[in-house]
Amino acid sequence: LVARTLAAASSGDAQTVRRLLGDPALDERGVAALRRIIEDTGALQECE
């Protein structure tokens, strides 16, 4: 799912994913931001 997201994301969104992914202190806001990118890139629907 993450691989599909990074492949389809804009450079800015991809940078956000790489910055937040793997942060053990990631809060609900950070989770929501990553979920939005995953959905907006179409990666979620593609995996479905």
All heavy atoms as atom14 arrays in JSON, in Angstrom:
{
  "sequence": "LVARTLAAASSGDAQTVRRLLGDPALDERGVAALRRIIEDTGALQECE",
  "atom14_mask": [
    [1, 1, 1, 1, 1, 1, 1, 1, 0, 0, 0, 0, 0, 0],
    [1, 1, 1, 1, 1, 1, 1, 0, 0, 0, 0, 0, 0, 0],
    [1, 1, 1, 1, 1, 0, 0, 0, 0, 0, 0, 0, 0, 0],
    [1, 1, 1, 1, 1, 1, 1, 1, 1, 1, 1, 0, 0, 0],
    [1, 1, 1, 1, 1, 1, 1, 0, 0, 0, 0, 0, 0, 0],
    [1, 1, 1, 1, 1, 1, 1, 1, 0, 0, 0, 0, 0, 0],
    [1, 1, 1, 1, 1, 0, 0, 0, 0, 0, 0, 0, 0, 0],
    [1, 1, 1, 1, 1, 0, 0, 0, 0, 0, 0, 0, 0, 0],
    [1, 1, 1, 1, 1, 0, 0, 0, 0, 0, 0, 0, 0, 0],
    [1, 1, 1, 1, 1, 1, 0, 0, 0, 0, 0, 0, 0, 0],
    [1, 1, 1, 1, 1, 1, 0, 0, 0, 0, 0, 0, 0, 0],
    [1, 1, 1, 1, 0, 0, 0, 0, 0, 0, 0, 0, 0, 0],
    [1, 1, 1, 1, 1, 1, 1, 1, 0, 0, 0, 0, 0, 0],
    [1, 1, 1, 1, 1, 0, 0, 0, 0, 0, 0, 0, 0, 0],
    [1, 1, 1, 1, 1, 1, 1, 1, 1, 0, 0, 0, 0, 0],
    [1, 1, 1, 1, 1, 1, 1, 0, 0, 0, 0, 0, 0, 0],
    [1, 1, 1, 1, 1, 1, 1, 0, 0, 0, 0, 0, 0, 0],
    [1, 1, 1, 1, 1, 1, 1, 1, 1, 1, 1, 0, 0, 0],
    [1, 1, 1, 1, 1, 1, 1, 1, 1, 1, 1, 0, 0, 0],
    [1, 1, 1, 1, 1, 1, 1, 1, 0, 0, 0, 0, 0, 0],
    [1, 1, 1, 1, 1, 1, 1, 1, 0, 0, 0, 0, 0, 0],
    [1, 1, 1, 1, 0, 0, 0, 0, 0, 0, 0, 0, 0, 0],
    [1, 1, 1, 1, 1, 1, 1, 1, 0, 0, 0, 0, 0, 0],
    [1, 1, 1, 1, 1, 1, 1, 0, 0, 0, 0, 0, 0, 0],
    [1, 1, 1, 1, 1, 0, 0, 0, 0, 0, 0, 0, 0, 0],
    [1, 1, 1, 1, 1, 1, 1, 1, 0, 0, 0, 0, 0, 0],
    [1, 1, 1, 1, 1, 1, 1, 1, 0, 0, 0, 0, 0, 0],
    [1, 1, 1, 1, 1, 1, 1, 1, 1, 0, 0, 0, 0, 0],
    [1, 1, 1, 1, 1, 1, 1, 1, 1, 1, 1, 0, 0, 0],
    [1, 1, 1, 1, 0, 0, 0, 0, 0, 0, 0, 0, 0, 0],
    [1, 1, 1, 1, 1, 1, 1, 0, 0, 0, 0, 0, 0, 0],
    [1, 1, 1, 1, 1, 0, 0, 0, 0, 0, 0, 0, 0, 0],
    [1, 1, 1, 1, 1, 0, 0, 0, 0, 0, 0, 0, 0, 0],
    [1, 1, 1, 1, 1, 1, 1, 1, 0, 0, 0, 0, 0, 0],
    [1, 1, 1, 1, 1, 1, 1, 1, 1, 1, 1, 0, 0, 0],
    [1, 1, 1, 1, 1, 1, 1, 1, 1, 1, 1, 0, 0, 0],
    [1, 1, 1, 1, 1, 1, 1, 1, 0, 0, 0, 0, 0, 0],
    [1, 1, 1, 1, 1, 1, 1, 1, 0, 0, 0, 0, 0, 0],
    [1, 1, 1, 1, 1, 1, 1, 1, 1, 0, 0, 0, 0, 0],
    [1, 1, 1, 1, 1, 1, 1, 1, 0, 0, 0, 0, 0, 0],
    [1, 1, 1, 1, 1, 1, 1, 0, 0, 0, 0, 0, 0, 0],
    [1, 1, 1, 1, 0, 0, 0, 0, 0, 0, 0, 0, 0, 0],
    [1, 1, 1, 1, 1, 0, 0, 0, 0, 0, 0, 0, 0, 0],
    [1, 1, 1, 1, 1, 1, 1, 1, 0, 0, 0, 0, 0, 0],
    [1, 1, 1, 1, 1, 1, 1, 1, 1, 0, 0, 0, 0, 0],
    [1, 1, 1, 1, 1, 1, 1, 1, 1, 0, 0, 0, 0, 0],
    [1, 1, 1, 1, 1, 1, 0, 0, 0, 0, 0, 0, 0, 0],
    [1, 1, 1, 1, 1, 1, 1, 1, 1, 0, 0, 0, 0, 0]
  ],
  "atom14_positions": [
    [[0.83, -1.2, 0.0], [0.0, 0.0, 0.0], [0.87, 1.26, 0.0], [0.62, 2.2, -0.75], [-0.92, 0.0, 1.22], [-1.84, 1.2, 1.41], [-2.84, 1.3, 0.27], [-2.57, 1.1, 2.75], [0.0, 0.0, 0.0], [0.0, 0.0, 0.0], [0.0, 0.0, 0.0], [0.0, 0.0, 0.0], [0.0, 0.0, 0.0], [0.0, 0.0, 0.0]],
    [[1.9, 1.27, 0.83], [2.82, 2.41, 0.89], [3.58, 2.55, -0.42], [3.78, 3.67, -0.94], [3.78, 2.27, 2.08], [4.92, 3.29, 1.99], [3.04, 2.43, 3.4], [0.0, 0.0, 0.0], [0.0, 0.0, 0.0], [0.0, 0.0, 0.0], [0.0, 0.0, 0.0], [0.0, 0.0, 0.0], [0.0, 0.0, 0.0], [0.0, 0.0, 0.0]],
    [[4.0, 1.43, -0.99], [4.73, 1.48, -2.26], [3.87, 2.09, -3.36], [4.35, 2.92, -4.15], [5.18, 0.07, -2.65], [0.0, 0.0, 0.0], [0.0, 0.0, 0.0], [0.0, 0.0, 0.0], [0.0, 0.0, 0.0], [0.0, 0.0, 0.0], [0.0, 0.0, 0.0], [0.0, 0.0, 0.0], [0.0, 0.0, 0.0], [0.0, 0.0, 0.0]],
    [[2.61, 1.7, -3.43], [1.7, 2.26, -4.43], [1.51, 3.76, -4.18], [1.41, 4.55, -5.13], [0.35, 1.56, -4.37], [0.35, 0.14, -4.94], [0.66, 0.14, -6.42], [0.28, -1.11, -7.06], [0.74, -1.53, -8.22], [1.64, -0.81, -8.87], [0.34, -2.67, -8.75], [0.0, 0.0, 0.0], [0.0, 0.0, 0.0], [0.0, 0.0, 0.0]],
    [[1.44, 4.15, -2.93], [1.26, 5.55, -2.58], [2.45, 6.39, -3.05], [2.29, 7.43, -3.7], [1.08, 5.71, -1.06], [-0.06, 4.98, -0.64], [0.92, 7.17, -0.68], [0.0, 0.0, 0.0], [0.0, 0.0, 0.0], [0.0, 0.0, 0.0], [0.0, 0.0, 0.0], [0.0, 0.0, 0.0], [0.0, 0.0, 0.0], [0.0, 0.0, 0.0]],
    [[3.65, 5.95, -2.73], [4.86, 6.69, -3.1], [5.02, 6.77, -4.62], [5.49, 7.79, -5.15], [6.09, 6.05, -2.48], [6.24, 6.24, -0.96], [7.37, 5.38, -0.41], [6.5, 7.71, -0.64], [0.0, 0.0, 0.0], [0.0, 0.0, 0.0], [0.0, 0.0, 0.0], [0.0, 0.0, 0.0], [0.0, 0.0, 0.0], [0.0, 0.0, 0.0]],
    [[4.62, 5.72, -5.31], [4.76, 5.71, -6.77], [3.83, 6.72, -7.43], [4.15, 7.26, -8.5], [4.49, 4.31, -7.31], [0.0, 0.0, 0.0], [0.0, 0.0, 0.0], [0.0, 0.0, 0.0], [0.0, 0.0, 0.0], [0.0, 0.0, 0.0], [0.0, 0.0, 0.0], [0.0, 0.0, 0.0], [0.0, 0.0, 0.0], [0.0, 0.0, 0.0]],
    [[2.69, 7.0, -6.8], [1.7, 7.89, -7.42], [1.67, 9.29, -6.82], [1.03, 10.19, -7.39], [0.31, 7.26, -7.28], [0.0, 0.0, 0.0], [0.0, 0.0, 0.0], [0.0, 0.0, 0.0], [0.0, 0.0, 0.0], [0.0, 0.0, 0.0], [0.0, 0.0, 0.0], [0.0, 0.0, 0.0], [0.0, 0.0, 0.0], [0.0, 0.0, 0.0]],
    [[2.37, 9.52, -5.73], [2.28, 10.79, -5.01], [3.07, 11.9, -5.71], [4.05, 11.64, -6.41], [2.8, 10.61, -3.59], [0.0, 0.0, 0.0], [0.0, 0.0, 0.0], [0.0, 0.0, 0.0], [0.0, 0.0, 0.0], [0.0, 0.0, 0.0], [0.0, 0.0, 0.0], [0.0, 0.0, 0.0], [0.0, 0.0, 0.0], [0.0, 0.0, 0.0]],
    [[2.62, 13.12, -5.49], [3.4, 14.27, -5.94], [4.68, 14.33, -5.12], [4.8, 13.68, -4.09], [2.59, 15.55, -5.75], [2.38, 15.79, -4.35], [0.0, 0.0, 0.0], [0.0, 0.0, 0.0], [0.0, 0.0, 0.0], [0.0, 0.0, 0.0], [0.0, 0.0, 0.0], [0.0, 0.0, 0.0], [0.0, 0.0, 0.0], [0.0, 0.0, 0.0]],
    [[5.62, 15.14, -5.57], [6.89, 15.22, -4.84], [6.67, 15.71, -3.42], [7.31, 15.22, -2.48], [7.87, 16.14, -5.58], [7.32, 17.44, -5.73], [0.0, 0.0, 0.0], [0.0, 0.0, 0.0], [0.0, 0.0, 0.0], [0.0, 0.0, 0.0], [0.0, 0.0, 0.0], [0.0, 0.0, 0.0], [0.0, 0.0, 0.0], [0.0, 0.0, 0.0]],
    [[5.76, 16.66, -3.25], [5.48, 17.18, -1.91], [4.84, 16.13, -1.01], [5.23, 15.98, 0.16], [0.0, 0.0, 0.0], [0.0, 0.0, 0.0], [0.0, 0.0, 0.0], [0.0, 0.0, 0.0], [0.0, 0.0, 0.0], [0.0, 0.0, 0.0], [0.0, 0.0, 0.0], [0.0, 0.0, 0.0], [0.0, 0.0, 0.0], [0.0, 0.0, 0.0]],
    [[3.85, 15.42, -1.56], [3.2, 14.39, -0.76], [4.15, 13.24, -0.46], [4.14, 12.68, 0.64], [1.96, 13.85, -1.49], [0.76, 14.8, -1.37], [0.82, 15.7, -0.51], [-0.21, 14.63, -2.12], [0.0, 0.0, 0.0], [0.0, 0.0, 0.0], [0.0, 0.0, 0.0], [0.0, 0.0, 0.0], [0.0, 0.0, 0.0], [0.0, 0.0, 0.0]],
    [[4.97, 12.89, -1.43], [5.94, 11.81, -1.2], [6.91, 12.2, -0.09], [7.28, 11.37, 0.76], [6.7, 11.51, -2.49], [0.0, 0.0, 0.0], [0.0, 0.0, 0.0], [0.0, 0.0, 0.0], [0.0, 0.0, 0.0], [0.0, 0.0, 0.0], [0.0, 0.0, 0.0], [0.0, 0.0, 0.0], [0.0, 0.0, 0.0], [0.0, 0.0, 0.0]],
    [[7.31, 13.46, -0.07], [8.2, 13.94, 0.98], [7.51, 13.85, 2.34], [8.13, 13.47, 3.35], [8.63, 15.38, 0.69], [9.65, 15.93, 1.68], [10.1, 17.35, 1.31], [9.63, 17.92, 0.33], [11.0, 17.9, 2.1], [0.0, 0.0, 0.0], [0.0, 0.0, 0.0], [0.0, 0.0, 0.0], [0.0, 0.0, 0.0], [0.0, 0.0, 0.0]],
    [[6.23, 14.18, 2.39], [5.47, 14.09, 3.64], [5.39, 12.64, 4.12], [5.57, 12.36, 5.3], [4.05, 14.64, 3.44], [4.13, 16.02, 3.08], [3.23, 14.51, 4.72], [0.0, 0.0, 0.0], [0.0, 0.0, 0.0], [0.0, 0.0, 0.0], [0.0, 0.0, 0.0], [0.0, 0.0, 0.0], [0.0, 0.0, 0.0], [0.0, 0.0, 0.0]],
    [[5.13, 11.73, 3.2], [5.07, 10.31, 3.56], [6.4, 9.85, 4.13], [6.45, 9.2, 5.19], [4.68, 9.46, 2.34], [4.81, 7.97, 2.68], [3.26, 9.77, 1.89], [0.0, 0.0, 0.0], [0.0, 0.0, 0.0], [0.0, 0.0, 0.0], [0.0, 0.0, 0.0], [0.0, 0.0, 0.0], [0.0, 0.0, 0.0], [0.0, 0.0, 0.0]],
    [[7.48, 10.18, 3.47], [8.8, 9.74, 3.94], [9.15, 10.37, 5.28], [9.83, 9.75, 6.1], [9.86, 10.09, 2.89], [9.72, 9.3, 1.59], [10.91, 9.53, 0.67], [10.79, 8.72, -0.54], [10.32, 9.17, -1.7], [9.93, 10.45, -1.8], [10.23, 8.38, -2.75], [0.0, 0.0, 0.0], [0.0, 0.0, 0.0], [0.0, 0.0, 0.0]],
    [[8.69, 11.6, 5.52], [9.0, 12.27, 6.79], [8.21, 11.67, 7.96], [8.74, 11.5, 9.05], [8.7, 13.77, 6.65], [8.9, 14.58, 7.94], [8.78, 16.07, 7.66], [7.51, 16.4, 7.03], [6.39, 16.64, 7.71], [6.37, 16.53, 9.04], [5.27, 16.98, 7.07], [0.0, 0.0, 0.0], [0.0, 0.0, 0.0], [0.0, 0.0, 0.0]],
    [[6.95, 11.35, 7.72], [6.09, 10.89, 8.81], [6.15, 9.38, 9.02], [5.97, 8.91, 10.15], [4.64, 11.31, 8.54], [4.35, 12.8, 8.51], [2.87, 13.05, 8.21], [4.74, 13.47, 9.83], [0.0, 0.0, 0.0], [0.0, 0.0, 0.0], [0.0, 0.0, 0.0], [0.0, 0.0, 0.0], [0.0, 0.0, 0.0], [0.0, 0.0, 0.0]],
    [[6.39, 8.63, 7.96], [6.38, 7.17, 8.06], [7.51, 6.69, 8.96], [8.67, 7.04, 8.76], [6.52, 6.56, 6.66], [6.31, 5.04, 6.56], [4.87, 4.67, 6.86], [6.72, 4.54, 5.17], [0.0, 0.0, 0.0], [0.0, 0.0, 0.0], [0.0, 0.0, 0.0], [0.0, 0.0, 0.0], [0.0, 0.0, 0.0], [0.0, 0.0, 0.0]],
    [[7.17, 5.91, 9.97], [8.18, 5.38, 10.88], [8.41, 6.24, 12.1], [9.28, 5.93, 12.92], [0.0, 0.0, 0.0], [0.0, 0.0, 0.0], [0.0, 0.0, 0.0], [0.0, 0.0, 0.0], [0.0, 0.0, 0.0], [0.0, 0.0, 0.0], [0.0, 0.0, 0.0], [0.0, 0.0, 0.0], [0.0, 0.0, 0.0], [0.0, 0.0, 0.0]],
    [[7.62, 7.32, 12.27], [7.74, 8.17, 13.45], [6.94, 7.54, 14.59], [5.71, 7.49, 14.54], [7.18, 9.56, 13.15], [7.25, 10.5, 14.35], [7.77, 10.08, 15.4], [6.8, 11.65, 14.21], [0.0, 0.0, 0.0], [0.0, 0.0, 0.0], [0.0, 0.0, 0.0], [0.0, 0.0, 0.0], [0.0, 0.0, 0.0], [0.0, 0.0, 0.0]],
    [[7.61, 7.02, 15.64], [6.89, 6.35, 16.72], [5.96, 7.28, 17.49], [5.05, 6.82, 18.18], [8.01, 5.82, 17.62], [9.21, 6.64, 17.3], [9.07, 7.02, 15.86], [0.0, 0.0, 0.0], [0.0, 0.0, 0.0], [0.0, 0.0, 0.0], [0.0, 0.0, 0.0], [0.0, 0.0, 0.0], [0.0, 0.0, 0.0], [0.0, 0.0, 0.0]],
    [[6.19, 8.61, 17.37], [5.34, 9.57, 18.08], [4.24, 10.12, 17.17], [3.58, 11.11, 17.52], [6.2, 10.73, 18.6], [0.0, 0.0, 0.0], [0.0, 0.0, 0.0], [0.0, 0.0, 0.0], [0.0, 0.0, 0.0], [0.0, 0.0, 0.0], [0.0, 0.0, 0.0], [0.0, 0.0, 0.0], [0.0, 0.0, 0.0], [0.0, 0.0, 0.0]],
    [[4.0, 9.49, 16.04], [3.0, 9.97, 15.09], [1.63, 10.05, 15.77], [1.14, 9.07, 16.32], [2.93, 9.01, 13.9], [2.08, 9.46, 12.71], [2.69, 10.67, 12.02], [1.92, 8.31, 11.72], [0.0, 0.0, 0.0], [0.0, 0.0, 0.0], [0.0, 0.0, 0.0], [0.0, 0.0, 0.0], [0.0, 0.0, 0.0], [0.0, 0.0, 0.0]],
    [[1.02, 11.24, 15.75], [-0.26, 11.44, 16.43], [-1.42, 11.26, 15.45], [-1.22, 10.94, 14.26], [-0.32, 12.81, 17.1], [-0.09, 13.96, 16.12], [-0.18, 13.74, 14.89], [0.15, 15.09, 16.58], [0.0, 0.0, 0.0], [0.0, 0.0, 0.0], [0.0, 0.0, 0.0], [0.0, 0.0, 0.0], [0.0, 0.0, 0.0], [0.0, 0.0, 0.0]],
    [[-2.64, 11.49, 15.93], [-3.83, 11.3, 15.1], [-3.81, 12.22, 13.89], [-4.26, 11.84, 12.8], [-5.08, 11.54, 15.93], [-5.33, 10.47, 16.99], [-6.64, 10.7, 17.74], [-7.41, 11.59, 17.31], [-6.89, 9.99, 18.72], [0.0, 0.0, 0.0], [0.0, 0.0, 0.0], [0.0, 0.0, 0.0], [0.0, 0.0, 0.0], [0.0, 0.0, 0.0]],
    [[-3.3, 13.42, 14.09], [-3.23, 14.36, 12.97], [-2.29, 13.85, 11.87], [-2.6, 13.95, 10.68], [-2.76, 15.72, 13.48], [-2.75, 16.81, 12.43], [-2.36, 18.15, 13.06], [-2.29, 19.21, 12.07], [-1.96, 20.46, 12.33], [-1.69, 20.8, 13.59], [-1.93, 21.37, 11.38], [0.0, 0.0, 0.0], [0.0, 0.0, 0.0], [0.0, 0.0, 0.0]],
    [[-1.16, 13.29, 12.3], [-0.21, 12.73, 11.34], [-0.77, 11.52, 10.62], [-0.6, 11.36, 9.41], [0.0, 0.0, 0.0], [0.0, 0.0, 0.0], [0.0, 0.0, 0.0], [0.0, 0.0, 0.0], [0.0, 0.0, 0.0], [0.0, 0.0, 0.0], [0.0, 0.0, 0.0], [0.0, 0.0, 0.0], [0.0, 0.0, 0.0], [0.0, 0.0, 0.0]],
    [[-1.47, 10.66, 11.37], [-2.11, 9.5, 10.76], [-3.14, 9.95, 9.73], [-3.21, 9.4, 8.62], [-2.78, 8.62, 11.84], [-3.66, 7.54, 11.2], [-1.73, 7.96, 12.73], [0.0, 0.0, 0.0], [0.0, 0.0, 0.0], [0.0, 0.0, 0.0], [0.0, 0.0, 0.0], [0.0, 0.0, 0.0], [0.0, 0.0, 0.0], [0.0, 0.0, 0.0]],
    [[-3.91, 10.97, 10.08], [-4.94, 11.48, 9.17], [-4.31, 12.04, 7.89], [-4.84, 11.86, 6.79], [-5.77, 12.55, 9.86], [0.0, 0.0, 0.0], [0.0, 0.0, 0.0], [0.0, 0.0, 0.0], [0.0, 0.0, 0.0], [0.0, 0.0, 0.0], [0.0, 0.0, 0.0], [0.0, 0.0, 0.0], [0.0, 0.0, 0.0], [0.0, 0.0, 0.0]],
    [[-3.17, 12.72, 8.04], [-2.49, 13.29, 6.87], [-2.02, 12.19, 5.93], [-2.16, 12.3, 4.7], [-1.31, 14.15, 7.33], [0.0, 0.0, 0.0], [0.0, 0.0, 0.0], [0.0, 0.0, 0.0], [0.0, 0.0, 0.0], [0.0, 0.0, 0.0], [0.0, 0.0, 0.0], [0.0, 0.0, 0.0], [0.0, 0.0, 0.0], [0.0, 0.0, 0.0]],
    [[-1.46, 11.12, 6.49], [-0.99, 10.02, 5.66], [-2.16, 9.28, 5.02], [-2.09, 8.9, 3.84], [-0.15, 9.05, 6.5], [1.24, 9.58, 6.9], [1.92, 8.62, 7.86], [2.11, 9.79, 5.66], [0.0, 0.0, 0.0], [0.0, 0.0, 0.0], [0.0, 0.0, 0.0], [0.0, 0.0, 0.0], [0.0, 0.0, 0.0], [0.0, 0.0, 0.0]],
    [[-3.23, 9.12, 5.76], [-4.41, 8.47, 5.18], [-4.94, 9.28, 3.99], [-5.34, 8.71, 2.97], [-5.5, 8.34, 6.24], [-5.27, 7.23, 7.25], [-6.35, 7.28, 8.32], [-6.31, 6.12, 9.2], [-7.02, 6.0, 10.32], [-7.81, 7.01, 10.69], [-6.94, 4.91, 11.05], [0.0, 0.0, 0.0], [0.0, 0.0, 0.0], [0.0, 0.0, 0.0]],
    [[-4.94, 10.59, 4.14], [-5.44, 11.45, 3.06], [-4.61, 11.26, 1.8], [-5.16, 11.13, 0.69], [-5.41, 12.92, 3.49], [-5.85, 13.89, 2.4], [-5.58, 15.33, 2.77], [-4.17, 15.59, 3.03], [-3.24, 15.72, 2.07], [-3.58, 15.6, 0.78], [-1.99, 15.97, 2.39], [0.0, 0.0, 0.0], [0.0, 0.0, 0.0], [0.0, 0.0, 0.0]],
    [[-3.29, 11.24, 1.96], [-2.41, 11.08, 0.81], [-2.63, 9.72, 0.15], [-2.69, 9.59, -1.08], [-0.93, 11.25, 1.22], [-0.67, 12.69, 1.67], [0.01, 10.87, 0.08], [0.69, 12.91, 2.3], [0.0, 0.0, 0.0], [0.0, 0.0, 0.0], [0.0, 0.0, 0.0], [0.0, 0.0, 0.0], [0.0, 0.0, 0.0], [0.0, 0.0, 0.0]],
    [[-2.76, 8.68, 0.98], [-2.97, 7.33, 0.45], [-4.26, 7.27, -0.36], [-4.3, 6.64, -1.43], [-2.99, 6.31, 1.62], [-1.6, 6.19, 2.24], [-3.48, 4.94, 1.14], [-1.57, 5.41, 3.54], [0.0, 0.0, 0.0], [0.0, 0.0, 0.0], [0.0, 0.0, 0.0], [0.0, 0.0, 0.0], [0.0, 0.0, 0.0], [0.0, 0.0, 0.0]],
    [[-5.3, 7.92, 0.14], [-6.57, 7.93, -0.59], [-6.51, 8.82, -1.83], [-6.98, 8.43, -2.91], [-7.69, 8.41, 0.34], [-8.03, 7.42, 1.44], [-9.24, 7.86, 2.25], [-9.06, 8.6, 3.23], [-10.37, 7.45, 1.89], [0.0, 0.0, 0.0], [0.0, 0.0, 0.0], [0.0, 0.0, 0.0], [0.0, 0.0, 0.0], [0.0, 0.0, 0.0]],
    [[-5.91, 10.0, -1.69], [-5.87, 10.95, -2.81], [-5.04, 10.41, -3.98], [-5.34, 10.75, -5.15], [-5.3, 12.3, -2.36], [-6.27, 13.07, -1.46], [-7.44, 12.64, -1.37], [-5.85, 14.07, -0.86], [0.0, 0.0, 0.0], [0.0, 0.0, 0.0], [0.0, 0.0, 0.0], [0.0, 0.0, 0.0], [0.0, 0.0, 0.0], [0.0, 0.0, 0.0]],
    [[-4.0, 9.65, -3.72], [-3.18, 9.09, -4.8], [-3.88, 7.95, -5.52], [-3.42, 7.51, -6.58], [-1.85, 8.57, -4.25], [-2.1, 7.57, -3.25], [-0.99, 9.68, -3.69], [0.0, 0.0, 0.0], [0.0, 0.0, 0.0], [0.0, 0.0, 0.0], [0.0, 0.0, 0.0], [0.0, 0.0, 0.0], [0.0, 0.0, 0.0], [0.0, 0.0, 0.0]],
    [[-4.98, 7.48, -4.95], [-5.67, 6.32, -5.53], [-5.08, 5.0, -5.1], [-5.54, 3.94, -5.56], [0.0, 0.0, 0.0], [0.0, 0.0, 0.0], [0.0, 0.0, 0.0], [0.0, 0.0, 0.0], [0.0, 0.0, 0.0], [0.0, 0.0, 0.0], [0.0, 0.0, 0.0], [0.0, 0.0, 0.0], [0.0, 0.0, 0.0], [0.0, 0.0, 0.0]],
    [[-4.08, 5.03, -4.21], [-3.43, 3.78, -3.8], [-4.38, 2.86, -3.05], [-4.34, 1.64, -3.23], [-2.21, 4.1, -2.94], [0.0, 0.0, 0.0], [0.0, 0.0, 0.0], [0.0, 0.0, 0.0], [0.0, 0.0, 0.0], [0.0, 0.0, 0.0], [0.0, 0.0, 0.0], [0.0, 0.0, 0.0], [0.0, 0.0, 0.0], [0.0, 0.0, 0.0]],
    [[-5.23, 3.44, -2.22], [-6.18, 2.62, -1.47], [-7.12, 1.89, -2.42], [-7.32, 0.67, -2.3], [-6.97, 3.48, -0.48], [-8.09, 2.76, 0.29], [-7.54, 1.61, 1.11], [-8.85, 3.76, 1.17], [0.0, 0.0, 0.0], [0.0, 0.0, 0.0], [0.0, 0.0, 0.0], [0.0, 0.0, 0.0], [0.0, 0.0, 0.0], [0.0, 0.0, 0.0]],
    [[-7.71, 2.61, -3.36], [-8.63, 1.98, -4.3], [-7.91, 0.98, -5.18], [-8.46, -0.09, -5.52], [-9.3, 3.05, -5.15], [-10.4, 2.49, -6.05], [-11.48, 1.79, -5.25], [-12.05, 2.35, -4.31], [-11.78, 0.54, -5.61], [0.0, 0.0, 0.0], [0.0, 0.0, 0.0], [0.0, 0.0, 0.0], [0.0, 0.0, 0.0], [0.0, 0.0, 0.0]],
    [[-6.68, 1.29, -5.55], [-5.91, 0.37, -6.39], [-5.69, -0.95, -5.66], [-5.82, -2.03, -6.26], [-4.58, 1.0, -6.79], [-3.81, 0.18, -7.81], [-2.55, 0.87, -8.28], [-2.26, 1.98, -7.81], [-1.85, 0.28, -9.12], [0.0, 0.0, 0.0], [0.0, 0.0, 0.0], [0.0, 0.0, 0.0], [0.0, 0.0, 0.0], [0.0, 0.0, 0.0]],
    [[-5.36, -0.88, -4.38], [-5.16, -2.1, -3.6], [-6.46, -2.86, -3.42], [-6.48, -4.1, -3.44], [-4.51, -1.77, -2.25], [-2.76, -1.39, -2.37], [0.0, 0.0, 0.0], [0.0, 0.0, 0.0], [0.0, 0.0, 0.0], [0.0, 0.0, 0.0], [0.0, 0.0, 0.0], [0.0, 0.0, 0.0], [0.0, 0.0, 0.0], [0.0, 0.0, 0.0]],
    [[-7.56, -2.15, -3.24], [-8.86, -2.81, -3.17], [-9.17, -3.53, -4.48], [-9.67, -4.67, -4.47], [-9.96, -1.8, -2.86], [-9.95, -1.23, -1.44], [-10.45, -2.22, -0.4], [-10.77, -3.38, -0.75], [-10.52, -1.83, 0.79], [0.0, 0.0, 0.0], [0.0, 0.0, 0.0], [0.0, 0.0, 0.0], [0.0, 0.0, 0.0], [0.0, 0.0, 0.0]]
  ]
}
